[in-house]
């Protein structure tokens, strides 16, 4: 079990500019991407890709899905691509995934 804070004064002295949620995630050893809002891309074989920490869809068709992120566009290229599921945190793409690029020009 993780120890979150040693004392109440430790809670009061949280680092400036960070929310209590960010401090909690830091104490629980969550990945830096979660804290910074950087995109996280999960790939499952050639059949599925998911983009977390997205900022919406720029464009999509069967050959390419372009997703907005804090580091620039995330480009998922392949064939028969479709957006299977989307919510505020995650975009799940199914089809034949051949390439994923982060950043660069849209």
C-alpha atoms as a PDB file:
ATOM      1  CA  UNK A   1       0.000   0.000   0.000  1.00  0.00           C
ATOM      2  CA  UNK A   2       1.257   3.475  -0.869  1.00  0.00           C
ATOM      3  CA  UNK A   3       1.793   6.073   1.818  1.00  0.00           C
ATOM      4  CA  UNK A   4       0.211   9.241   0.464  1.00  0.00           C
ATOM      5  CA  UNK A   5       1.267  11.842   3.046  1.00  0.00           C
ATOM      6  CA  UNK A   6       3.139  11.664   6.338  1.00  0.00           C
ATOM      7  CA  UNK A   7       1.225  14.446   8.051  1.00  0.00           C
ATOM      8  CA  UNK A   8      -1.419  17.094   7.578  1.00  0.00           C
ATOM      9  CA  UNK A   9       1.316  19.731   7.151  1.00  0.00           C
ATOM     10  CA  UNK A  10       2.583  17.749   4.164  1.00  0.00           C
ATOM     11  CA  UNK A  11      -0.829  18.138   2.553  1.00  0.00           C
ATOM     12  CA  UNK A  12      -0.784  21.906   3.193  1.00  0.00           C
ATOM     13  CA  UNK A  13       2.703  22.216   1.651  1.00  0.00           C
ATOM     14  CA  UNK A  14       1.785  20.780  -1.730  1.00  0.00           C
ATOM     15  CA  UNK A  15       3.917  21.986  -4.597  1.00  0.00           C
ATOM     16  CA  UNK A  16       2.651  25.257  -6.039  1.00  0.00           C
ATOM     17  CA  UNK A  17       0.964  25.138  -9.427  1.00  0.00           C
ATOM     18  CA  UNK A  18      -0.128  21.520  -9.078  1.00  0.00           C
ATOM     19  CA  UNK A  19      -3.554  20.246  -8.192  1.00  0.00           C
ATOM     20  CA  UNK A  20      -4.128  17.790  -5.410  1.00  0.00           C
ATOM     21  CA  UNK A  21      -4.943  15.183  -8.076  1.00  0.00           C
ATOM     22  CA  UNK A  22      -1.525  15.661  -9.710  1.00  0.00           C
ATOM     23  CA  UNK A  23       0.151  15.343  -6.315  1.00  0.00           C
ATOM     24  CA  UNK A  24      -1.829  12.194  -5.563  1.00  0.00           C
ATOM     25  CA  UNK A  25      -0.897  10.640  -8.915  1.00  0.00           C
ATOM     26  CA  UNK A  26       2.764  11.498  -8.325  1.00  0.00           C
ATOM     27  CA  UNK A  27       2.708   9.836  -4.904  1.00  0.00           C
ATOM     28  CA  UNK A  28       1.090   6.734  -6.441  1.00  0.00           C
ATOM     29  CA  UNK A  29       3.841   6.481  -9.114  1.00  0.00           C
ATOM     30  CA  UNK A  30       1.577   7.044 -12.118  1.00  0.00           C
ATOM     31  CA  UNK A  31       3.309   7.509 -15.494  1.00  0.00           C
ATOM     32  CA  UNK A  32       4.467  11.051 -16.307  1.00  0.00           C
ATOM     33  CA  UNK A  33       2.231  11.106 -19.410  1.00  0.00           C
ATOM     34  CA  UNK A  34      -0.836  11.103 -17.185  1.00  0.00           C
ATOM     35  CA  UNK A  35       0.485  14.102 -15.250  1.00  0.00           C
ATOM     36  CA  UNK A  36       1.638  16.142 -18.248  1.00  0.00           C
ATOM     37  CA  UNK A  37      -1.257  15.398 -20.581  1.00  0.00           C
ATOM     38  CA  UNK A  38       1.095  13.960 -23.207  1.00  0.00           C
ATOM     39  CA  UNK A  39      -0.536  11.515 -25.609  1.00  0.00           C
ATOM     40  CA  UNK A  40      -0.284   7.824 -24.841  1.00  0.00           C
ATOM     41  CA  UNK A  41      -0.664   5.379 -27.741  1.00  0.00           C
ATOM     42  CA  UNK A  42      -1.530   1.734 -27.133  1.00  0.00           C
ATOM     43  CA  UNK A  43      -1.157  -0.705 -30.021  1.00  0.00           C
ATOM     44  CA  UNK A  44      -2.518  -4.252 -29.986  1.00  0.00           C
ATOM     45  CA  UNK A  45      -0.955  -6.143 -32.862  1.00  0.00           C
ATOM     46  CA  UNK A  46      -2.055  -4.746 -36.211  1.00  0.00           C
ATOM     47  CA  UNK A  47      -5.760  -4.735 -35.351  1.00  0.00           C
ATOM     48  CA  UNK A  48      -6.193  -1.923 -32.838  1.00  0.00           C
ATOM     49  CA  UNK A  49      -4.716   1.377 -31.661  1.00  0.00           C
ATOM     50  CA  UNK A  50      -5.887   3.650 -28.862  1.00  0.00           C
ATOM     51  CA  UNK A  51      -4.906   7.267 -28.210  1.00  0.00           C
ATOM     52  CA  UNK A  52      -5.228   8.512 -24.635  1.00  0.00           C
ATOM     53  CA  UNK A  53      -4.991  12.165 -23.536  1.00  0.00           C
ATOM     54  CA  UNK A  54      -6.365  13.301 -26.897  1.00  0.00           C
ATOM     55  CA  UNK A  55      -7.862  16.666 -27.807  1.00  0.00           C
ATOM     56  CA  UNK A  56     -10.318  15.482 -30.435  1.00  0.00           C
ATOM     57  CA  UNK A  57     -10.305  14.214 -33.989  1.00  0.00           C
ATOM     58  CA  UNK A  58      -8.819  16.396 -36.732  1.00  0.00           C
ATOM     59  CA  UNK A  59      -9.816  14.124 -39.621  1.00  0.00           C
ATOM     60  CA  UNK A  60     -10.404  10.490 -40.440  1.00  0.00           C
ATOM     61  CA  UNK A  61     -11.108   8.094 -43.263  1.00  0.00           C
ATOM     62  CA  UNK A  62     -10.451   4.397 -43.885  1.00  0.00           C
ATOM     63  CA  UNK A  63      -6.719   4.976 -44.527  1.00  0.00           C
ATOM     64  CA  UNK A  64      -5.825   7.522 -41.820  1.00  0.00           C
ATOM     65  CA  UNK A  65      -7.061   8.876 -38.494  1.00  0.00           C
ATOM     66  CA  UNK A  66      -5.564  12.188 -37.345  1.00  0.00           C
ATOM     67  CA  UNK A  67      -5.998  12.941 -33.639  1.00  0.00           C
ATOM     68  CA  UNK A  68      -5.155  16.255 -31.924  1.00  0.00           C
ATOM     69  CA  UNK A  69      -2.858  16.074 -28.883  1.00  0.00           C
ATOM     70  CA  UNK A  70      -0.675  18.323 -26.722  1.00  0.00           C
ATOM     71  CA  UNK A  71       2.390  17.217 -28.744  1.00  0.00           C
ATOM     72  CA  UNK A  72       0.846  17.806 -32.151  1.00  0.00           C
ATOM     73  CA  UNK A  73      -1.178  15.439 -34.280  1.00  0.00           C
ATOM     74  CA  UNK A  74      -1.146  11.687 -33.734  1.00  0.00           C
ATOM     75  CA  UNK A  75      -1.427   9.989 -37.129  1.00  0.00           C
ATOM     76  CA  UNK A  76      -2.689   6.394 -37.302  1.00  0.00           C
ATOM     77  CA  UNK A  77      -2.323   4.995 -40.833  1.00  0.00           C
ATOM     78  CA  UNK A  78      -3.507   1.694 -42.227  1.00  0.00           C
ATOM     79  CA  UNK A  79      -6.524   0.237 -43.987  1.00  0.00           C
ATOM     80  CA  UNK A  80     -10.166  -0.330 -43.092  1.00  0.00           C
ATOM     81  CA  UNK A  81      -9.715   2.016 -40.098  1.00  0.00           C
ATOM     82  CA  UNK A  82     -12.775   3.004 -38.090  1.00  0.00           C
ATOM     83  CA  UNK A  83     -13.318   4.766 -34.810  1.00  0.00           C
ATOM     84  CA  UNK A  84     -14.663   2.006 -32.604  1.00  0.00           C
ATOM     85  CA  UNK A  85     -15.117   4.021 -29.406  1.00  0.00           C
ATOM     86  CA  UNK A  86     -14.392   7.561 -28.235  1.00  0.00           C
ATOM     87  CA  UNK A  87     -14.736   9.392 -24.941  1.00  0.00           C
ATOM     88  CA  UNK A  88     -12.978  12.348 -23.307  1.00  0.00           C
ATOM     89  CA  UNK A  89      -9.917  10.299 -22.360  1.00  0.00           C
ATOM     90  CA  UNK A  90      -9.538   7.731 -25.144  1.00  0.00           C
ATOM     91  CA  UNK A  91     -10.077   7.138 -28.853  1.00  0.00           C
ATOM     92  CA  UNK A  92     -10.093   3.476 -29.869  1.00  0.00           C
ATOM     93  CA  UNK A  93      -9.386   2.702 -33.535  1.00  0.00           C
ATOM     94  CA  UNK A  94      -9.968  -0.694 -35.151  1.00  0.00           C
ATOM     95  CA  UNK A  95      -8.771  -1.912 -38.530  1.00  0.00           C
ATOM     96  CA  UNK A  96      -5.361  -2.805 -39.936  1.00  0.00           C
ATOM     97  CA  UNK A  97      -2.857  -0.464 -38.263  1.00  0.00           C
ATOM     98  CA  UNK A  98       0.370  -0.105 -40.233  1.00  0.00           C
ATOM     99  CA  UNK A  99       1.954   3.035 -38.818  1.00  0.00           C
ATOM    100  CA  UNK A 100       1.611   5.509 -35.921  1.00  0.00           C
ATOM    101  CA  UNK A 101       3.330   8.904 -35.812  1.00  0.00           C
ATOM    102  CA  UNK A 102       3.272  11.494 -33.029  1.00  0.00           C
ATOM    103  CA  UNK A 103       3.913  15.175 -33.731  1.00  0.00           C
ATOM    104  CA  UNK A 104       4.814  16.796 -37.016  1.00  0.00           C
ATOM    105  CA  UNK A 105       2.493  18.626 -39.381  1.00  0.00           C
ATOM    106  CA  UNK A 106      -1.192  17.875 -39.674  1.00  0.00           C
END
